[in-house]
C-alpha atoms as a PDB file:
ATOM      1  CA  MET A   1       0.525-197.992  -0.827  1.00  0.00           C
ATOM      2  CA  LYS A   2      -1.679-194.711  -2.926  1.00  0.00           C
ATOM      3  CA  ARG A   3      -4.264-197.666  -4.788  1.00  0.00           C
ATOM      4  CA  PHE A   4      -4.153-199.172  -0.711  1.00  0.00           C
ATOM      5  CA  ALA A   5      -5.637-196.257   0.493  1.00  0.00           C
ATOM      6  CA  TYR A   6      -7.925-195.538  -2.637  1.00  0.00           C
ATOM      7  CA  ILE A   7      -9.995-198.748  -2.159  1.00  0.00           C
ATOM      8  CA  LEU A   8     -10.692-198.745   1.263  1.00  0.00           C
ATOM      9  CA  LEU A   9     -11.844-194.746   0.587  1.00  0.00           C
ATOM     10  CA  SER A  10     -13.706-196.439  -1.602  1.00  0.00           C
ATOM     11  CA  MET A  11     -15.189-199.697   0.272  1.00  0.00           C
ATOM     12  CA  ALA A  12     -16.047-196.894   3.125  1.00  0.00           C
ATOM     13  CA  ALA A  13     -18.014-194.830   0.557  1.00  0.00           C
ATOM     14  CA  LEU A  14     -20.016-197.663   0.351  1.00  0.00           C
ATOM     15  CA  LEU A  15     -20.387-199.196   2.722  1.00  0.00           C
ATOM     16  CA  ALA A  16     -21.613-194.919   4.483  1.00  0.00           C
ATOM     17  CA  LEU A  17     -24.086-195.674   1.260  1.00  0.00           C
ATOM     18  CA  GLY A  18     -25.278-198.863   1.815  1.00  0.00           C
ATOM     19  CA  ALA A  19     -25.754-197.611   5.426  1.00  0.00           C
ATOM     20  CA  CYS A  20     -27.938-194.365   4.782  1.00  0.00           C
ATOM     21  CA  ALA A  21     -29.973-197.068   2.849  1.00  0.00           C
ATOM     22  CA  GLY A  22     -30.295-199.101   5.456  1.00  0.00           C
ATOM     23  CA  ARG A  23     -31.504-196.382   7.463  1.00  0.00           C
ATOM     24  CA  ASN A  24     -34.265-195.016   5.404  1.00  0.00           C
ATOM     25  CA  THR A  25     -35.425-198.916   4.630  1.00  0.00           C
ATOM     26  CA  SER A  26     -35.147-198.809   8.496  1.00  0.00           C
ATOM     27  CA  ARG A  27     -37.248-196.006   9.247  1.00  0.00           C
ATOM     28  CA  GLU A  28     -39.904-196.339   7.127  1.00  0.00           C
ATOM     29  CA  LYS A  29     -40.746-199.947   8.772  1.00  0.00           C
ATOM     30  CA  LEU A  30     -40.807-197.963  12.241  1.00  0.00           C
ATOM     31  CA  LEU A  31     -43.322-195.071   9.684  1.00  0.00           C
ATOM     32  CA  PRO A  32     -46.768-195.195  11.316  1.00  0.00           C
ATOM     33  CA  ASN A  33     -49.537-196.787   9.335  1.00  0.00           C
ATOM     34  CA  VAL A  34     -51.117-193.452   7.658  1.00  0.00           C
ATOM     35  CA  SER A  35     -54.505-192.235   8.724  1.00  0.00           C
ATOM     36  CA  GLY A  36     -57.533-190.910   7.155  1.00  0.00           C
ATOM     37  CA  LYS A  37     -60.184-191.147   4.349  1.00  0.00           C
ATOM     38  CA  ALA A  38     -59.547-192.539   0.951  1.00  0.00           C
ATOM     39  CA  GLY A  39     -59.835-189.630  -1.458  1.00  0.00           C
ATOM     40  CA  GLU A  40     -59.236-187.031   0.885  1.00  0.00           C
ATOM     41  CA  ILE A  41     -57.041-184.408   1.103  1.00  0.00           C
ATOM     42  CA  ILE A  42     -54.955-182.441   4.246  1.00  0.00           C
ATOM     43  CA  VAL A  43     -54.014-178.945   2.886  1.00  0.00           C
ATOM     44  CA  VAL A  44     -52.174-176.943   5.355  1.00  0.00           C
ATOM     45  CA  ILE A  45     -52.269-173.079   4.342  1.00  0.00           C
ATOM     46  CA  ASP A  46     -53.499-170.260   5.639  1.00  0.00           C
ATOM     47  CA  LYS A  47     -57.311-168.786   5.849  1.00  0.00           C
ATOM     48  CA  ASP A  48     -56.212-166.248   3.391  1.00  0.00           C
ATOM     49  CA  SER A  49     -54.405-167.926   0.656  1.00  0.00           C
ATOM     50  CA  TRP A  50     -57.229-170.569   1.208  1.00  0.00           C
ATOM     51  CA  GLU A  51     -59.736-167.987   0.296  1.00  0.00           C
ATOM     52  CA  GLY A  52     -58.058-166.351  -2.011  1.00  0.00           C
ATOM     53  CA  ALA A  53     -56.248-167.832  -5.589  1.00  0.00           C
ATOM     54  CA  PRO A  54     -54.270-170.126  -4.237  1.00  0.00           C
ATOM     55  CA  GLY A  55     -56.989-172.291  -2.633  1.00  0.00           C
ATOM     56  CA  THR A  56     -59.122-171.357  -5.452  1.00  0.00           C
ATOM     57  CA  ALA A  57     -56.540-173.201  -7.966  1.00  0.00           C
ATOM     58  CA  LEU A  58     -56.299-175.810  -5.654  1.00  0.00           C
ATOM     59  CA  ARG A  59     -60.322-176.496  -5.452  1.00  0.00           C
ATOM     60  CA  THR A  60     -60.334-175.842  -9.703  1.00  0.00           C
ATOM     61  CA  PHE A  61     -57.893-179.501 -10.101  1.00  0.00           C
ATOM     62  CA  LEU A  62     -58.472-181.575  -6.416  1.00  0.00           C
ATOM     63  CA  SER A  63     -62.010-181.095  -6.295  1.00  0.00           C
ATOM     64  CA  GLY A  64     -64.201-180.612  -9.490  1.00  0.00           C
ATOM     65  CA  ASP A  65     -66.799-183.585 -10.636  1.00  0.00           C
ATOM     66  CA  CYS A  66     -65.512-186.844 -10.851  1.00  0.00           C
ATOM     67  CA  PRO A  67     -66.451-187.702 -14.510  1.00  0.00           C
ATOM     68  CA  TYR A  68     -69.140-190.213 -14.814  1.00  0.00           C
ATOM     69  CA  LEU A  69     -70.875-190.322 -12.490  1.00  0.00           C
ATOM     70  CA  ALA A  70     -74.514-190.258 -11.561  1.00  0.00           C
ATOM     71  CA  GLN A  71     -74.921-187.684  -9.247  1.00  0.00           C
ATOM     72  CA  ARG A  72     -72.425-184.851  -8.452  1.00  0.00           C
ATOM     73  CA  GLU A  73     -68.905-185.828  -6.591  1.00  0.00           C
ATOM     74  CA  PRO A  74     -65.106-183.715  -6.444  1.00  0.00           C
ATOM     75  CA  LEU A  75     -62.235-185.713  -7.072  1.00  0.00           C
ATOM     76  CA  PHE A  76     -60.912-185.847  -3.487  1.00  0.00           C
ATOM     77  CA  ASN A  77     -62.232-184.300  -0.990  1.00  0.00           C
ATOM     78  CA  LEU A  78     -60.188-181.379   0.559  1.00  0.00           C
ATOM     79  CA  ALA A  79     -59.954-180.376   4.152  1.00  0.00           C
ATOM     80  CA  ASN A  80     -57.846-177.254   5.216  1.00  0.00           C
ATOM     81  CA  VAL A  81     -55.930-177.842   8.324  1.00  0.00           C
ATOM     82  CA  PRO A  82     -54.115-173.929   9.439  1.00  0.00           C
ATOM     83  CA  PRO A  83     -50.157-173.807   9.782  1.00  0.00           C
ATOM     84  CA  GLY A  84     -50.237-173.514  13.215  1.00  0.00           C
ATOM     85  CA  ASN A  85     -52.859-176.777  13.795  1.00  0.00           C
ATOM     86  CA  PHE A  86     -50.859-179.239  11.935  1.00  0.00           C
ATOM     87  CA  GLY A  87     -49.374-181.205  14.571  1.00  0.00           C
ATOM     88  CA  ASN A  88     -48.499-185.464  14.602  1.00  0.00           C
ATOM     89  CA  MET A  89     -52.505-186.449  14.521  1.00  0.00           C
ATOM     90  CA  PHE A  90     -52.656-185.083  11.077  1.00  0.00           C
ATOM     91  CA  LYS A  91     -48.554-185.476   9.778  1.00  0.00           C
ATOM     92  CA  VAL A  92     -49.452-189.519   9.420  1.00  0.00           C
ATOM     93  CA  HIS A  93     -52.366-188.689   7.581  1.00  0.00           C
ATOM     94  CA  ARG A  94     -52.824-190.275   4.149  1.00  0.00           C
ATOM     95  CA  ASN A  95     -52.516-187.427   1.574  1.00  0.00           C
ATOM     96  CA  ILE A  96     -51.199-183.958   2.499  1.00  0.00           C
ATOM     97  CA  ILE A  97     -50.202-180.487   0.519  1.00  0.00           C
ATOM     98  CA  LEU A  98     -48.068-178.559   1.983  1.00  0.00           C
ATOM     99  CA  LEU A  99     -47.702-174.357   1.522  1.00  0.00           C
ATOM    100  CA  ASP A 100     -44.894-172.717   2.089  1.00  0.00           C
ATOM    101  CA  ILE A 101     -44.910-168.870   1.315  1.00  0.00           C
ATOM    102  CA  ASN A 102     -41.465-167.328   1.521  1.00  0.00           C
ATOM    103  CA  PRO A 103     -40.361-164.663  -0.475  1.00  0.00           C
ATOM    104  CA  GLN A 104     -37.146-165.447   0.627  1.00  0.00           C
ATOM    105  CA  GLY A 105     -36.689-168.571  -0.951  1.00  0.00           C
ATOM    106  CA  THR A 106     -34.879-169.563  -3.283  1.00  0.00           C
ATOM    107  CA  GLU A 107     -37.221-171.574  -6.082  1.00  0.00           C
ATOM    108  CA  GLU A 108     -40.732-171.236  -6.863  1.00  0.00           C
ATOM    109  CA  LYS A 109     -41.243-175.662  -7.366  1.00  0.00           C
ATOM    110  CA  VAL A 110     -43.864-178.734  -5.875  1.00  0.00           C
ATOM    111  CA  THR A 111     -42.002-180.991  -4.569  1.00  0.00           C
ATOM    112  CA  TRP A 112     -43.119-184.783  -4.072  1.00  0.00           C
ATOM    113  CA  LEU A 113     -42.535-186.542  -1.011  1.00  0.00           C
ATOM    114  CA  LYS A 114     -43.792-190.182  -0.238  1.00  0.00           C
ATOM    115  CA  ASN A 115     -44.051-191.639   3.392  1.00  0.00           C
ATOM    116  CA  GLU A 116     -42.260-188.451   4.998  1.00  0.00           C
ATOM    117  CA  TRP A 117     -44.016-188.757   8.424  1.00  0.00           C
ATOM    118  CA  ALA A 118     -46.037-192.329   7.530  1.00  0.00           C
ATOM    119  CA  ARG A 119     -46.229-195.218   5.168  1.00  0.00           C
ATOM    120  CA  PRO A 120     -48.033-195.469   2.432  1.00  0.00           C
ATOM    121  CA  GLN A 121     -48.078-191.609   2.872  1.00  0.00           C
ATOM    122  CA  SER A 122     -48.038-189.297   0.116  1.00  0.00           C
ATOM    123  CA  VAL A 123     -47.163-184.893   0.334  1.00  0.00           C
ATOM    124  CA  ALA A 124     -46.760-182.389  -1.952  1.00  0.00           C
ATOM    125  CA  ARG A 125     -44.972-179.356  -1.169  1.00  0.00           C
ATOM    126  CA  ILE A 126     -45.345-176.034  -2.954  1.00  0.00           C
ATOM    127  CA  SER A 127     -42.982-173.688  -2.399  1.00  0.00           C
ATOM    128  CA  ALA A 128     -43.383-169.931  -3.763  1.00  0.00           C
ATOM    129  CA  PHE A 129     -42.324-166.104  -3.544  1.00  0.00           C
ATOM    130  CA  ASP A 130     -45.748-165.047  -2.719  1.00  0.00           C
ATOM    131  CA  ARG A 131     -49.381-165.812  -2.809  1.00  0.00           C
ATOM    132  CA  GLU A 132     -50.073-165.396  -6.930  1.00  0.00           C
ATOM    133  CA  GLY A 133     -46.832-167.747  -7.480  1.00  0.00           C
ATOM    134  CA  ALA A 134     -47.849-170.080  -5.942  1.00  0.00           C
ATOM    135  CA  ALA A 135     -51.706-170.339  -7.309  1.00  0.00           C
ATOM    136  CA  ASN A 136     -49.736-169.477 -10.883  1.00  0.00           C
ATOM    137  CA  LEU A 137     -47.503-172.531  -9.421  1.00  0.00           C
ATOM    138  CA  ILE A 138     -50.629-174.545  -8.725  1.00  0.00           C
ATOM    139  CA  ALA A 139     -52.044-173.548 -12.286  1.00  0.00           C
ATOM    140  CA  GLN A 140     -48.709-175.011 -14.246  1.00  0.00           C
ATOM    141  CA  GLU A 141     -48.762-178.233 -12.283  1.00  0.00           C
ATOM    142  CA  GLY A 142     -52.073-178.574 -11.114  1.00  0.00           C
ATOM    143  CA  ARG A 143     -53.130-182.335 -13.435  1.00  0.00           C
ATOM    144  CA  ASN A 144     -49.394-183.385 -12.079  1.00  0.00           C
ATOM    145  CA  LEU A 145     -50.907-182.887  -8.394  1.00  0.00           C
ATOM    146  CA  VAL A 146     -54.141-184.995  -9.268  1.00  0.00           C
ATOM    147  CA  GLU A 147     -52.267-187.681 -10.938  1.00  0.00           C
ATOM    148  CA  PHE A 148     -50.008-187.672  -7.767  1.00  0.00           C
ATOM    149  CA  PHE A 149     -52.522-187.966  -5.876  1.00  0.00           C
ATOM    150  CA  GLU A 150     -54.697-190.675  -8.139  1.00  0.00           C
ATOM    151  CA  GLN A 151     -51.612-192.256  -7.889  1.00  0.00           C
ATOM    152  CA  ALA A 152     -50.959-192.753  -5.024  1.00  0.00           C
ATOM    153  CA  GLU A 153     -54.288-194.105  -3.869  1.00  0.00           C
ATOM    154  CA  ARG A 154     -54.216-196.462  -6.772  1.00  0.00           C
ATOM    155  CA  ASP A 155     -50.948-198.128  -5.178  1.00  0.00           C
ATOM    156  CA  ARG A 156     -52.827-197.852  -2.207  1.00  0.00           C
ATOM    157  CA  ILE A 157     -55.296-200.240  -3.456  1.00  0.00           C
ATOM    158  CA  ILE A 158     -53.359-202.540  -5.407  1.00  0.00           C
ATOM    159  CA  ALA A 159     -51.005-203.192  -2.064  1.00  0.00           C
ATOM    160  CA  ASN A 160     -54.196-204.389  -0.280  1.00  0.00           C
ATOM    161  CA  ALA A 161     -54.881-206.364  -3.566  1.00  0.00           C
ATOM    162  CA  ARG A 162     -51.932-208.400  -3.563  1.00  0.00           C
ATOM    163  CA  LEU A 163     -51.993-208.913  -0.147  1.00  0.00           C
ATOM    164  CA  TYR A 164     -55.676-210.315  -0.332  1.00  0.00           C
ATOM    165  CA  GLU A 165     -55.562-211.574  -3.862  1.00  0.00           C
ATOM    166  CA  ASN A 166     -58.268-214.618  -4.626  1.00  0.00           C
ATOM    167  CA  THR A 167     -55.629-216.115  -6.507  1.00  0.00           C
ATOM    168  CA  GLY A 168     -58.121-218.627  -7.920  1.00  0.00           C
ATOM    169  CA  LEU A 169     -58.789-215.773 -10.399  1.00  0.00           C
ATOM    170  CA  ARG A 170     -55.809-216.228 -12.179  1.00  0.00           C
ATOM    171  CA  PRO A 171     -56.202-219.343 -14.101  1.00  0.00           C
ATOM    172  CA  ALA A 172     -59.159-217.545 -15.899  1.00  0.00           C
ATOM    173  CA  VAL A 173     -57.393-214.343 -16.863  1.00  0.00           C
ATOM    174  CA  GLU A 174     -54.375-215.684 -17.798  1.00  0.00           C
ATOM    175  CA  GLU A 175     -55.919-218.634 -20.262  1.00  0.00           C
ATOM    176  CA  LEU A 176     -57.110-215.199 -21.644  1.00  0.00           C
ATOM    177  CA  THR A 177     -55.029-212.816 -21.615  1.00  0.00           C
ATOM    178  CA  GLY A 178     -51.861-213.873 -20.994  1.00  0.00           C
ATOM    179  CA  GLY A 179     -51.728-212.144 -17.905  1.00  0.00           C
ATOM    180  CA  ILE A 180     -52.487-211.379 -14.764  1.00  0.00           C
ATOM    181  CA  LEU A 181     -54.897-209.594 -12.836  1.00  0.00           C
ATOM    182  CA  HIS A 182     -54.968-208.812  -8.553  1.00  0.00           C
ATOM    183  CA  VAL A 183     -57.997-209.299  -7.939  1.00  0.00           C
ATOM    184  CA  PRO A 184     -58.367-209.338  -4.011  1.00  0.00           C
ATOM    185  CA  SER A 185     -60.671-211.767  -2.025  1.00  0.00           C
ATOM    186  CA  GLY A 186     -65.178-211.456  -2.573  1.00  0.00           C
ATOM    187  CA  TYR A 187     -64.552-210.904  -6.287  1.00  0.00           C
ATOM    188  CA  LYS A 188     -66.086-214.310  -7.867  1.00  0.00           C
ATOM    189  CA  LEU A 189     -65.975-215.745 -11.654  1.00  0.00           C
ATOM    190  CA  LYS A 190     -69.611-215.639 -12.372  1.00  0.00           C
ATOM    191  CA  SER A 191     -69.005-216.081 -16.557  1.00  0.00           C
ATOM    192  CA  LYS A 192     -66.546-217.866 -19.009  1.00  0.00           C
ATOM    193  CA  ARG A 193     -67.175-218.423 -22.230  1.00  0.00           C
ATOM    194  CA  ASP A 194     -64.911-218.123 -26.157  1.00  0.00           C
ATOM    195  CA  GLY A 195     -63.133-214.824 -25.300  1.00  0.00           C
ATOM    196  CA  PHE A 196     -65.202-213.223 -22.684  1.00  0.00           C
ATOM    197  CA  VAL A 197     -64.924-213.404 -18.689  1.00  0.00           C
ATOM    198  CA  TRP A 198     -66.741-211.719 -16.274  1.00  0.00           C
ATOM    199  CA  ILE A 199     -65.209-211.357 -11.984  1.00  0.00           C
ATOM    200  CA  ALA A 200     -68.047-209.447  -9.970  1.00  0.00           C
ATOM    201  CA  ASP A 201     -68.528-208.902  -6.194  1.00  0.00           C
ATOM    202  CA  GLU A 202     -71.839-208.495  -6.135  1.00  0.00           C
ATOM    203  CA  LYS A 203     -73.665-207.769  -2.587  1.00  0.00           C
ATOM    204  CA  GLN A 204     -77.125-206.372  -1.457  1.00  0.00           C
ATOM    205  CA  TYR A 205     -77.008-202.790  -3.351  1.00  0.00           C
ATOM    206  CA  THR A 206     -73.757-202.460  -4.933  1.00  0.00           C
ATOM    207  CA  ASN A 207     -72.338-204.195  -7.775  1.00  0.00           C
ATOM    208  CA  GLN A 208     -68.175-203.527  -9.065  1.00  0.00           C
ATOM    209  CA  ALA A 209     -67.476-206.239 -11.739  1.00  0.00           C
ATOM    210  CA  ILE A 210     -64.085-206.104 -14.373  1.00  0.00           C
ATOM    211  CA  LEU A 211     -65.159-207.928 -17.900  1.00  0.00           C
ATOM    212  CA  ILE A 212     -62.170-209.348 -19.954  1.00  0.00           C
ATOM    213  CA  TYR A 213     -63.130-210.292 -23.872  1.00  0.00           C
ATOM    214  CA  THR A 214     -60.356-210.328 -26.171  1.00  0.00           C
ATOM    215  CA  TYR A 215     -61.143-209.953 -30.510  1.00  0.00           C
ATOM    216  CA  PRO A 216     -58.941-209.804 -33.408  1.00  0.00           C
ATOM    217  CA  VAL A 217     -57.358-207.331 -34.755  1.00  0.00           C
ATOM    218  CA  PRO A 218     -59.599-205.180 -36.869  1.00  0.00           C
ATOM    219  CA  GLU A 219     -59.038-203.676 -39.892  1.00  0.00           C
ATOM    220  CA  GLY A 220     -58.041-199.719 -39.642  1.00  0.00           C
ATOM    221  CA  ASP A 221     -57.122-198.394 -36.371  1.00  0.00           C
ATOM    222  CA  PRO A 222     -59.006-200.213 -33.958  1.00  0.00           C
ATOM    223  CA  PHE A 223     -58.537-197.855 -30.930  1.00  0.00           C
ATOM    224  CA  THR A 224     -60.793-194.937 -32.593  1.00  0.00           C
ATOM    225  CA  MET A 225     -63.857-193.895 -29.649  1.00  0.00           C
ATOM    226  CA  GLU A 226     -66.292-195.062 -32.977  1.00  0.00           C
ATOM    227  CA  ASN A 227     -64.331-198.323 -32.675  1.00  0.00           C
ATOM    228  CA  LEU A 228     -64.341-199.025 -30.029  1.00  0.00           C
ATOM    229  CA  ILE A 229     -67.618-198.433 -28.661  1.00  0.00           C
ATOM    230  CA  SER A 230     -68.943-199.598 -31.145  1.00  0.00           C
ATOM    231  CA  LYS A 231     -66.657-203.766 -30.720  1.00  0.00           C
ATOM    232  CA  ARG A 232     -67.674-203.164 -26.264  1.00  0.00           C
ATOM    233  CA  ASN A 233     -71.561-202.393 -27.190  1.00  0.00           C
ATOM    234  CA  GLU A 234     -71.463-205.992 -30.015  1.00  0.00           C
ATOM    235  CA  ILE A 235     -69.525-208.253 -26.672  1.00  0.00           C
ATOM    236  CA  MET A 236     -71.994-206.470 -24.643  1.00  0.00           C
ATOM    237  CA  LYS A 237     -75.045-208.039 -26.310  1.00  0.00           C
ATOM    238  CA  GLU A 238     -73.670-210.954 -26.395  1.00  0.00           C
ATOM    239  CA  ASN A 239     -72.529-211.022 -23.192  1.00  0.00           C
ATOM    240  CA  VAL A 240     -73.468-208.982 -20.473  1.00  0.00           C
ATOM    241  CA  PRO A 241     -77.907-209.792 -20.065  1.00  0.00           C
ATOM    242  CA  GLY A 242     -80.189-207.253 -18.017  1.00  0.00           C
ATOM    243  CA  GLN A 243     -82.280-208.829 -15.837  1.00  0.00           C
ATOM    244  CA  PHE A 244     -85.257-209.094 -17.791  1.00  0.00           C
ATOM    245  CA  GLU A 245     -85.710-210.511 -21.419  1.00  0.00           C
ATOM    246  CA  ASN A 246     -84.460-208.132 -24.112  1.00  0.00           C
ATOM    247  CA  THR A 247     -82.258-206.366 -21.958  1.00  0.00           C
ATOM    248  CA  TYR A 248     -78.382-206.013 -22.124  1.00  0.00           C
ATOM    249  CA  MET A 249     -75.697-203.892 -21.489  1.00  0.00           C
ATOM    250  CA  THR A 250     -74.745-200.801 -23.806  1.00  0.00           C
ATOM    251  CA  THR A 251     -73.041-197.823 -23.739  1.00  0.00           C
ATOM    252  CA  SER A 252     -74.900-194.463 -23.058  1.00  0.00           C
ATOM    253  CA  LEU A 253     -74.580-191.957 -25.481  1.00  0.00           C
ATOM    254  CA  ALA A 254     -76.056-189.274 -23.288  1.00  0.00           C
ATOM    255  CA  ILE A 255     -73.244-188.650 -22.243  1.00  0.00           C
ATOM    256  CA  ALA A 256     -70.309-188.539 -24.631  1.00  0.00           C
ATOM    257  CA  PRO A 257     -67.749-191.240 -23.599  1.00  0.00           C
ATOM    258  CA  THR A 258     -64.255-189.646 -24.115  1.00  0.00           C
ATOM    259  CA  VAL A 259     -60.650-192.228 -25.233  1.00  0.00           C
ATOM    260  CA  THR A 260     -57.597-191.236 -24.240  1.00  0.00           C
ATOM    261  CA  SER A 261     -54.017-192.391 -24.644  1.00  0.00           C
ATOM    262  CA  LEU A 262     -51.859-192.784 -21.898  1.00  0.00           C
ATOM    263  CA  ARG A 263     -49.101-195.255 -20.717  1.00  0.00           C
ATOM    264  CA  TYR A 264     -48.616-196.957 -17.277  1.00  0.00           C
ATOM    265  CA  ARG A 265     -45.716-198.868 -16.374  1.00  0.00           C
ATOM    266  CA  GLY A 266     -44.541-199.899 -20.157  1.00  0.00           C
ATOM    267  CA  ARG A 267     -47.545-201.009 -21.133  1.00  0.00           C
ATOM    268  CA  ASP A 268     -49.510-198.603 -23.793  1.00  0.00           C
ATOM    269  CA  PHE A 269     -53.572-198.173 -24.212  1.00  0.00           C
ATOM    270  CA  MET A 270     -56.071-197.158 -25.439  1.00  0.00           C
ATOM    271  CA  GLN A 271     -58.224-195.932 -21.967  1.00  0.00           C
ATOM    272  CA  THR A 272     -62.468-194.877 -22.837  1.00  0.00           C
ATOM    273  CA  ARG A 273     -64.399-193.968 -20.193  1.00  0.00           C
ATOM    274  CA  GLY A 274     -68.306-193.454 -20.117  1.00  0.00           C
ATOM    275  CA  PHE A 275     -71.619-194.318 -19.060  1.00  0.00           C
ATOM    276  CA  TRP A 276     -73.380-197.733 -18.755  1.00  0.00           C
ATOM    277  CA  GLU A 277     -76.966-198.900 -19.436  1.00  0.00           C
ATOM    278  CA  VAL A 278     -79.398-201.707 -20.355  1.00  0.00           C
ATOM    279  CA  TYR A 279     -81.002-202.144 -23.356  1.00  0.00           C
ATOM    280  CA  ASN A 280     -84.899-201.060 -22.536  1.00  0.00           C
ATOM    281  CA  ASP A 281     -84.061-200.757 -18.772  1.00  0.00           C
ATOM    282  CA  PHE A 282     -83.466-197.740 -16.629  1.00  0.00           C
ATOM    283  CA  MET A 283     -79.966-199.402 -14.327  1.00  0.00           C
ATOM    284  CA  GLY A 284     -76.966-197.321 -15.360  1.00  0.00           C
ATOM    285  CA  GLY A 285     -73.510-196.600 -13.775  1.00  0.00           C
ATOM    286  CA  PRO A 286     -69.996-195.555 -14.845  1.00  0.00           C
ATOM    287  CA  PHE A 287     -67.107-197.627 -16.459  1.00  0.00           C
ATOM    288  CA  VAL A 288     -63.740-197.519 -17.316  1.00  0.00           C
ATOM    289  CA  SER A 289     -61.421-199.841 -19.698  1.00  0.00           C
ATOM    290  CA  HIS A 290     -58.706-200.627 -21.103  1.00  0.00           C
ATOM    291  CA  ALA A 291     -58.010-201.979 -24.587  1.00  0.00           C
ATOM    292  CA  PHE A 292     -53.961-203.174 -26.051  1.00  0.00           C
ATOM    293  CA  TYR A 293     -52.475-204.918 -28.146  1.00  0.00           C
ATOM    294  CA  SER A 294     -52.010-209.020 -27.330  1.00  0.00           C
ATOM    295  CA  ARG A 295     -48.039-210.286 -26.706  1.00  0.00           C
ATOM    296  CA  LYS A 296     -48.734-211.248 -30.143  1.00  0.00           C
ATOM    297  CA  GLY A 297     -50.310-208.073 -31.674  1.00  0.00           C
ATOM    298  CA  ASP A 298     -52.199-210.753 -32.934  1.00  0.00           C
ATOM    299  CA  ARG A 299     -55.816-209.689 -30.792  1.00  0.00           C
ATOM    300  CA  ILE A 300     -57.459-206.708 -28.514  1.00  0.00           C
ATOM    301  CA  ILE A 301     -57.437-206.761 -24.933  1.00  0.00           C
ATOM    302  CA  VAL A 302     -60.077-205.106 -23.039  1.00  0.00           C
ATOM    303  CA  LEU A 303     -60.666-204.694 -19.724  1.00  0.00           C
ATOM    304  CA  GLU A 304     -63.030-202.993 -17.650  1.00  0.00           C
ATOM    305  CA  ALA A 305     -64.521-201.847 -14.847  1.00  0.00           C
ATOM    306  CA  PHE A 306     -67.930-200.923 -13.757  1.00  0.00           C
ATOM    307  CA  VAL A 307     -70.172-200.151 -11.284  1.00  0.00           C
ATOM    308  CA  TYR A 308     -73.797-200.505  -9.691  1.00  0.00           C
ATOM    309  CA  ALA A 309     -74.155-198.571  -7.223  1.00  0.00           C
ATOM    310  CA  PRO A 310     -77.646-196.753  -7.001  1.00  0.00           C
ATOM    311  CA  LYS A 311     -78.266-196.181  -3.237  1.00  0.00           C
ATOM    312  CA  TYR A 312     -74.490-195.125  -2.739  1.00  0.00           C
ATOM    313  CA  ASP A 313     -72.355-192.685  -3.830  1.00  0.00           C
ATOM    314  CA  LYS A 314     -69.456-194.228  -7.063  1.00  0.00           C
ATOM    315  CA  ARG A 315     -66.635-192.985  -6.833  1.00  0.00           C
ATOM    316  CA  GLN A 316     -64.522-194.961  -4.485  1.00  0.00           C
ATOM    317  CA  TYR A 317     -66.154-198.191  -5.633  1.00  0.00           C
ATOM    318  CA  LEU A 318     -64.672-196.985  -9.201  1.00  0.00           C
ATOM    319  CA  ARG A 319     -61.885-196.276  -8.353  1.00  0.00           C
ATOM    320  CA  GLN A 320     -61.883-199.697  -6.255  1.00  0.00           C
ATOM    321  CA  VAL A 321     -62.158-202.123  -9.006  1.00  0.00           C
ATOM    322  CA  GLU A 322     -60.836-199.753 -11.700  1.00  0.00           C
ATOM    323  CA  SER A 323     -57.110-199.801  -9.963  1.00  0.00           C
ATOM    324  CA  ILE A 324     -57.598-203.160 -10.547  1.00  0.00           C
ATOM    325  CA  LEU A 325     -56.752-202.845 -13.871  1.00  0.00           C
ATOM    326  CA  TYR A 326     -54.008-201.035 -13.878  1.00  0.00           C
ATOM    327  CA  SER A 327     -52.230-204.509 -11.735  1.00  0.00           C
ATOM    328  CA  PHE A 328     -52.397-205.757 -15.200  1.00  0.00           C
ATOM    329  CA  GLU A 329     -48.778-207.588 -15.598  1.00  0.00           C
ATOM    330  CA  TRP A 330     -47.948-209.957 -19.153  1.00  0.00           C
ATOM    331  CA  ALA A 331     -47.437-213.433 -16.465  1.00  0.00           C
ATOM    332  CA  GLU A 332     -43.913-214.653 -18.304  1.00  0.00           C
ATOM    333  CA  GLU A 333     -43.379-211.332 -16.446  1.00  0.00           C
ATOM    334  CA  LYS A 334     -44.150-211.468 -13.271  1.00  0.00           C
ATOM    335  CA  LYS A 335     -42.754-215.509 -13.476  1.00  0.00           C
ATOM    336  CA  SER A 336     -39.388-213.469 -13.894  1.00  0.00           C
ATOM    337  CA  GLU A 337     -39.261-211.668 -11.453  1.00  0.00           C
END
């Protein structure tokens, strides 16, 4: 009887957990879609804190200049909403920061929340005892705040790309890399050569493009800045011509590129950020690339995104095409799902 009672209790517990999971799933399905512009964050904070140290700390990290753009543009646009005005209209915003200052609180921490009032929504709740503590906590967690909202924007773009994917581009990418990029409609195959693929969404005044190339692993460290840029310039000169004779894409050295080691969803790669220009011409813009070993380890694969939009702000154009790079997955893993 005791064993039978234990089994009944265990089954009841499992059913309860399943019901909770079901309720959470059902709850998210019932949530409204998020509102607000891409790259915008609502900051729910009182006026004194917004104009004081906590607000300054938030602006330092989240409103700093987006790197490698010709004109100054912030990483995010911040909009202050006083706590008393934080009603239903603002609760469905895509990105929210809540500052909770409570001297009787139990802990100073940042809580990361998803789909609190809408979906797909990202909310960071900053809990502190006072304004000084809040500012210190923001300083400690500043990079995490940036990455949290960068990832939120990236995930939305990838989800949209998957929903409206141009699957006709998959064969060219898979043949070259053994992997898949989820590229949305609007992009077309511009060029395909031995070891090189060029995919672009070209409009009258904007050009968002993805360059994919591979090459044998060189001697020494293939991921130093010197080696990555040298190989990039070599491949760009051969495959990305300019509009006129003796013009081609290269890397601007007026603003030194940066190389960073990253790990994203189990995949290691070297990220390069820099500014491209056209040799013997006056065109230029930002680029970002991911370089990593092929599945067999005998080649280097580079996925590169670049933007040309001389008439417009470029932050969102770059964020859109850069996010596509993060959608890369090995084809064999995709097929085994």
